[in-house]
Amino acid sequence: LLVVSANQIELEAGLARGGQAREHAVLARSAGLDGIVVAINKMDGNEQAQWSNSRFEEVKSEVWAALHGMGFREDQVKFVPVSAASCSNVSCAESRCEECISWYSGGSLLEVLQAVTLPTNSPQDPLRVLVTGSERRGNSSLTL
């Protein structure tokens, strides 16, 4: 699950080089995740969002461009509009998102997460380890 903000300034900061959203997506891809659910939060926020389909599509487009550059395919990414502060479109306790019913039909965040198929890992599969750097000390080398 990758959470990004619908607020333009926060979104730009998260997707910028070294931004937290970008770094988390890189880590997910590096860890071998084949799919990702993107929650576009603060859809009830400022004048830009206000549960606007156009703002949702703008954010979706910007995040998709970044994820596509990391090697994700369109069928591996699902986008969900949410407002965590008001719990709108977060759980399936609410039957549907009243604020976005006219333009979004993909289900609540919880429903989307529950529908994700998890990969099966076999103990016989190769071990995957992330190498984040190495350091030389004298004649020896330490890999992190």
C-alpha atoms as a PDB file:
ATOM      1  CA  LEU A   1       0.000   0.000   0.000  1.00  0.00           C
ATOM      2  CA  LEU A   2       1.389   3.361  -1.042  1.00  0.00           C
ATOM      3  CA  VAL A   3      -0.365   6.426   0.375  1.00  0.00           C
ATOM      4  CA  VAL A   4       0.003   9.733  -1.479  1.00  0.00           C
ATOM      5  CA  SER A   5      -1.624  13.093  -0.832  1.00  0.00           C
ATOM      6  CA  ALA A   6      -4.069  14.831  -3.153  1.00  0.00           C
ATOM      7  CA  ASN A   7      -2.582  18.114  -1.908  1.00  0.00           C
ATOM      8  CA  GLN A   8      -0.374  19.413  -4.741  1.00  0.00           C
ATOM      9  CA  ILE A   9       2.537  20.593  -2.572  1.00  0.00           C
ATOM     10  CA  GLU A  10       2.624  17.361  -0.552  1.00  0.00           C
ATOM     11  CA  LEU A  11       2.300  15.245  -3.699  1.00  0.00           C
ATOM     12  CA  GLU A  12       5.197  17.029  -5.407  1.00  0.00           C
ATOM     13  CA  ALA A  13       7.356  16.618  -2.292  1.00  0.00           C
ATOM     14  CA  GLY A  14       6.533  12.901  -2.073  1.00  0.00           C
ATOM     15  CA  LEU A  15       7.265  12.225  -5.739  1.00  0.00           C
ATOM     16  CA  ALA A  16      10.378  14.411  -5.990  1.00  0.00           C
ATOM     17  CA  ARG A  17      13.811  12.836  -6.092  1.00  0.00           C
ATOM     18  CA  GLY A  18      14.392  11.605  -2.534  1.00  0.00           C
ATOM     19  CA  GLY A  19      10.687  12.030  -1.689  1.00  0.00           C
ATOM     20  CA  GLN A  20       9.139   9.544   0.703  1.00  0.00           C
ATOM     21  CA  ALA A  21       6.461   8.210  -1.678  1.00  0.00           C
ATOM     22  CA  ARG A  22       9.039   7.677  -4.429  1.00  0.00           C
ATOM     23  CA  GLU A  23      11.456   5.971  -2.029  1.00  0.00           C
ATOM     24  CA  HIS A  24       8.750   3.634  -0.708  1.00  0.00           C
ATOM     25  CA  ALA A  25       7.752   2.666  -4.244  1.00  0.00           C
ATOM     26  CA  VAL A  26      11.405   1.968  -5.121  1.00  0.00           C
ATOM     27  CA  LEU A  27      11.756  -0.192  -1.992  1.00  0.00           C
ATOM     28  CA  ALA A  28       8.573  -2.098  -2.862  1.00  0.00           C
ATOM     29  CA  ARG A  29       9.817  -2.747  -6.380  1.00  0.00           C
ATOM     30  CA  SER A  30      13.281  -3.720  -5.124  1.00  0.00           C
ATOM     31  CA  ALA A  31      11.719  -6.168  -2.676  1.00  0.00           C
ATOM     32  CA  GLY A  32      10.079  -7.922  -5.609  1.00  0.00           C
ATOM     33  CA  LEU A  33       6.495  -6.750  -5.195  1.00  0.00           C
ATOM     34  CA  ASP A  34       4.615  -7.255  -8.434  1.00  0.00           C
ATOM     35  CA  GLY A  35       1.670  -5.033  -7.594  1.00  0.00           C
ATOM     36  CA  ILE A  36       0.819  -1.986  -5.560  1.00  0.00           C
ATOM     37  CA  VAL A  37      -2.348  -0.299  -4.289  1.00  0.00           C
ATOM     38  CA  VAL A  38      -2.139   3.495  -4.227  1.00  0.00           C
ATOM     39  CA  ALA A  39      -4.438   5.301  -1.789  1.00  0.00           C
ATOM     40  CA  ILE A  40      -4.899   8.914  -2.845  1.00  0.00           C
ATOM     41  CA  ASN A  41      -5.549  10.532   0.529  1.00  0.00           C
ATOM     42  CA  LYS A  42      -6.937  13.951   1.492  1.00  0.00           C
ATOM     43  CA  MET A  43      -9.529  13.881  -1.267  1.00  0.00           C
ATOM     44  CA  ASP A  44     -11.761  15.943   1.029  1.00  0.00           C
ATOM     45  CA  GLY A  45      -9.008  18.521   1.491  1.00  0.00           C
ATOM     46  CA  ASN A  46      -8.449  21.921  -0.012  1.00  0.00           C
ATOM     47  CA  GLU A  47     -10.163  23.541  -2.966  1.00  0.00           C
ATOM     48  CA  GLN A  48      -8.145  21.383  -5.395  1.00  0.00           C
ATOM     49  CA  ALA A  49      -9.533  18.054  -4.276  1.00  0.00           C
ATOM     50  CA  GLN A  50     -13.037  18.276  -2.760  1.00  0.00           C
ATOM     51  CA  TRP A  51     -13.743  14.775  -4.055  1.00  0.00           C
ATOM     52  CA  SER A  52     -13.084  15.944  -7.594  1.00  0.00           C
ATOM     53  CA  ASN A  53     -12.699  13.346 -10.337  1.00  0.00           C
ATOM     54  CA  SER A  54     -10.392  15.699 -12.233  1.00  0.00           C
ATOM     55  CA  ARG A  55      -8.056  16.035  -9.206  1.00  0.00           C
ATOM     56  CA  PHE A  56      -8.103  12.253  -8.693  1.00  0.00           C
ATOM     57  CA  GLU A  57      -7.135  11.757 -12.352  1.00  0.00           C
ATOM     58  CA  GLU A  58      -4.352  14.389 -12.104  1.00  0.00           C
ATOM     59  CA  VAL A  59      -2.821  12.719  -9.045  1.00  0.00           C
ATOM     60  CA  LYS A  60      -3.277   9.291 -10.604  1.00  0.00           C
ATOM     61  CA  SER A  61      -1.470  10.459 -13.738  1.00  0.00           C
ATOM     62  CA  GLU A  62       1.480  11.927 -11.811  1.00  0.00           C
ATOM     63  CA  VAL A  63       1.874   8.856  -9.586  1.00  0.00           C
ATOM     64  CA  TRP A  64       1.458   6.492 -12.545  1.00  0.00           C
ATOM     65  CA  ALA A  65       4.243   8.275 -14.433  1.00  0.00           C
ATOM     66  CA  ALA A  66       6.590   7.730 -11.484  1.00  0.00           C
ATOM     67  CA  LEU A  67       5.563   4.084 -10.974  1.00  0.00           C
ATOM     68  CA  HIS A  68       5.801   3.322 -14.694  1.00  0.00           C
ATOM     69  CA  GLY A  69       9.356   4.685 -14.648  1.00  0.00           C
ATOM     70  CA  MET A  70      10.154   2.162 -11.908  1.00  0.00           C
ATOM     71  CA  GLY A  71       8.943  -0.740 -14.023  1.00  0.00           C
ATOM     72  CA  PHE A  72       5.359  -1.211 -12.833  1.00  0.00           C
ATOM     73  CA  ARG A  73       2.792  -2.118 -15.488  1.00  0.00           C
ATOM     74  CA  GLU A  74      -0.721  -0.697 -15.619  1.00  0.00           C
ATOM     75  CA  ASP A  75      -2.323  -3.980 -14.544  1.00  0.00           C
ATOM     76  CA  GLN A  76      -0.116  -4.042 -11.417  1.00  0.00           C
ATOM     77  CA  VAL A  77      -1.359  -0.737  -9.959  1.00  0.00           C
ATOM     78  CA  LYS A  78      -4.765   0.099  -8.451  1.00  0.00           C
ATOM     79  CA  PHE A  79      -5.754   3.599  -7.335  1.00  0.00           C
ATOM     80  CA  VAL A  80      -8.292   4.322  -4.586  1.00  0.00           C
ATOM     81  CA  PRO A  81      -9.528   7.784  -3.509  1.00  0.00           C
ATOM     82  CA  VAL A  82      -9.782   8.118   0.284  1.00  0.00           C
ATOM     83  CA  SER A  83     -10.015  10.574   3.124  1.00  0.00           C
ATOM     84  CA  ALA A  84      -8.431   8.976   6.162  1.00  0.00           C
ATOM     85  CA  ALA A  85      -9.397  11.867   8.463  1.00  0.00           C
ATOM     86  CA  SER A  86     -13.111  11.342   7.821  1.00  0.00           C
ATOM     87  CA  CYS A  87     -12.799   7.582   7.092  1.00  0.00           C
ATOM     88  CA  SER A  88     -14.412   8.079   3.688  1.00  0.00           C
ATOM     89  CA  ASN A  89     -13.915   5.154   1.316  1.00  0.00           C
ATOM     90  CA  VAL A  90     -11.545   3.463   3.760  1.00  0.00           C
ATOM     91  CA  SER A  91     -13.542   0.484   5.037  1.00  0.00           C
ATOM     92  CA  CYS A  92     -16.288  -1.637   3.620  1.00  0.00           C
ATOM     93  CA  ALA A  93     -18.548  -0.793   6.575  1.00  0.00           C
ATOM     94  CA  GLU A  94     -19.883   1.975   4.392  1.00  0.00           C
ATOM     95  CA  SER A  95     -21.618   0.472   1.399  1.00  0.00           C
ATOM     96  CA  ARG A  96     -20.180   2.981  -1.066  1.00  0.00           C
ATOM     97  CA  CYS A  97     -18.327   6.262  -1.239  1.00  0.00           C
ATOM     98  CA  GLU A  98     -21.135   8.838  -1.293  1.00  0.00           C
ATOM     99  CA  GLU A  99     -18.740  11.666  -2.217  1.00  0.00           C
ATOM    100  CA  CYS A 100     -17.306   9.872  -5.245  1.00  0.00           C
ATOM    101  CA  ILE A 101     -20.156   7.589  -6.305  1.00  0.00           C
ATOM    102  CA  SER A 102     -20.655   9.463  -9.582  1.00  0.00           C
ATOM    103  CA  TRP A 103     -17.112   8.800 -10.826  1.00  0.00           C
ATOM    104  CA  TYR A 104     -15.503   5.974  -8.800  1.00  0.00           C
ATOM    105  CA  SER A 105     -16.719   2.385  -8.639  1.00  0.00           C
ATOM    106  CA  GLY A 106     -13.629   0.472  -7.603  1.00  0.00           C
ATOM    107  CA  GLY A 107     -14.588  -0.274  -3.984  1.00  0.00           C
ATOM    108  CA  SER A 108     -13.266   0.943  -0.661  1.00  0.00           C
ATOM    109  CA  LEU A 109      -9.601   0.710   0.271  1.00  0.00           C
ATOM    110  CA  LEU A 110     -10.276  -2.297   2.497  1.00  0.00           C
ATOM    111  CA  GLU A 111     -12.219  -4.068  -0.257  1.00  0.00           C
ATOM    112  CA  VAL A 112      -9.418  -3.463  -2.763  1.00  0.00           C
ATOM    113  CA  LEU A 113      -6.799  -4.728  -0.290  1.00  0.00           C
ATOM    114  CA  GLN A 114      -8.852  -7.827   0.510  1.00  0.00           C
ATOM    115  CA  ALA A 115      -9.170  -8.606  -3.212  1.00  0.00           C
ATOM    116  CA  VAL A 116      -5.403  -8.566  -3.774  1.00  0.00           C
ATOM    117  CA  THR A 117      -3.988 -12.027  -4.417  1.00  0.00           C
ATOM    118  CA  LEU A 118      -0.841 -12.622  -2.414  1.00  0.00           C
ATOM    119  CA  PRO A 119       2.072 -14.444  -4.009  1.00  0.00           C
ATOM    120  CA  THR A 120       2.965 -17.825  -2.645  1.00  0.00           C
ATOM    121  CA  ASN A 121       6.503 -18.188  -1.379  1.00  0.00           C
ATOM    122  CA  SER A 122       8.134 -21.562  -1.344  1.00  0.00           C
ATOM    123  CA  PRO A 123      11.004 -22.365   1.015  1.00  0.00           C
ATOM    124  CA  GLN A 124      12.791 -23.772  -2.049  1.00  0.00           C
ATOM    125  CA  ASP A 125      12.703 -20.407  -3.858  1.00  0.00           C
ATOM    126  CA  PRO A 126      15.923 -18.408  -4.005  1.00  0.00           C
ATOM    127  CA  LEU A 127      16.624 -16.039  -1.130  1.00  0.00           C
ATOM    128  CA  ARG A 128      16.256 -12.380  -2.029  1.00  0.00           C
ATOM    129  CA  VAL A 129      18.445  -9.907  -0.162  1.00  0.00           C
ATOM    130  CA  LEU A 130      18.701  -6.165  -0.716  1.00  0.00           C
ATOM    131  CA  VAL A 131      22.244  -4.828  -0.898  1.00  0.00           C
ATOM    132  CA  THR A 132      22.302  -1.196   0.149  1.00  0.00           C
ATOM    133  CA  GLY A 133      26.033  -0.593   0.050  1.00  0.00           C
ATOM    134  CA  SER A 134      29.464  -1.893   0.893  1.00  0.00           C
ATOM    135  CA  GLU A 135      32.372  -0.671   2.938  1.00  0.00           C
ATOM    136  CA  ARG A 136      36.065  -1.518   2.682  1.00  0.00           C
ATOM    137  CA  ARG A 137      38.212  -1.735   5.789  1.00  0.00           C
ATOM    138  CA  GLY A 138      41.748  -2.807   5.211  1.00  0.00           C
ATOM    139  CA  ASN A 139      41.749  -6.160   3.435  1.00  0.00           C
ATOM    140  CA  SER A 140      38.120  -6.947   4.165  1.00  0.00           C
ATOM    141  CA  SER A 141      34.832  -5.753   2.682  1.00  0.00           C
ATOM    142  CA  LEU A 142      31.491  -5.474   4.478  1.00  0.00           C
ATOM    143  CA  THR A 143      28.291  -5.621   2.452  1.00  0.00           C
ATOM    144  CA  LEU A 144      25.200  -3.997   3.918  1.00  0.00           C
END
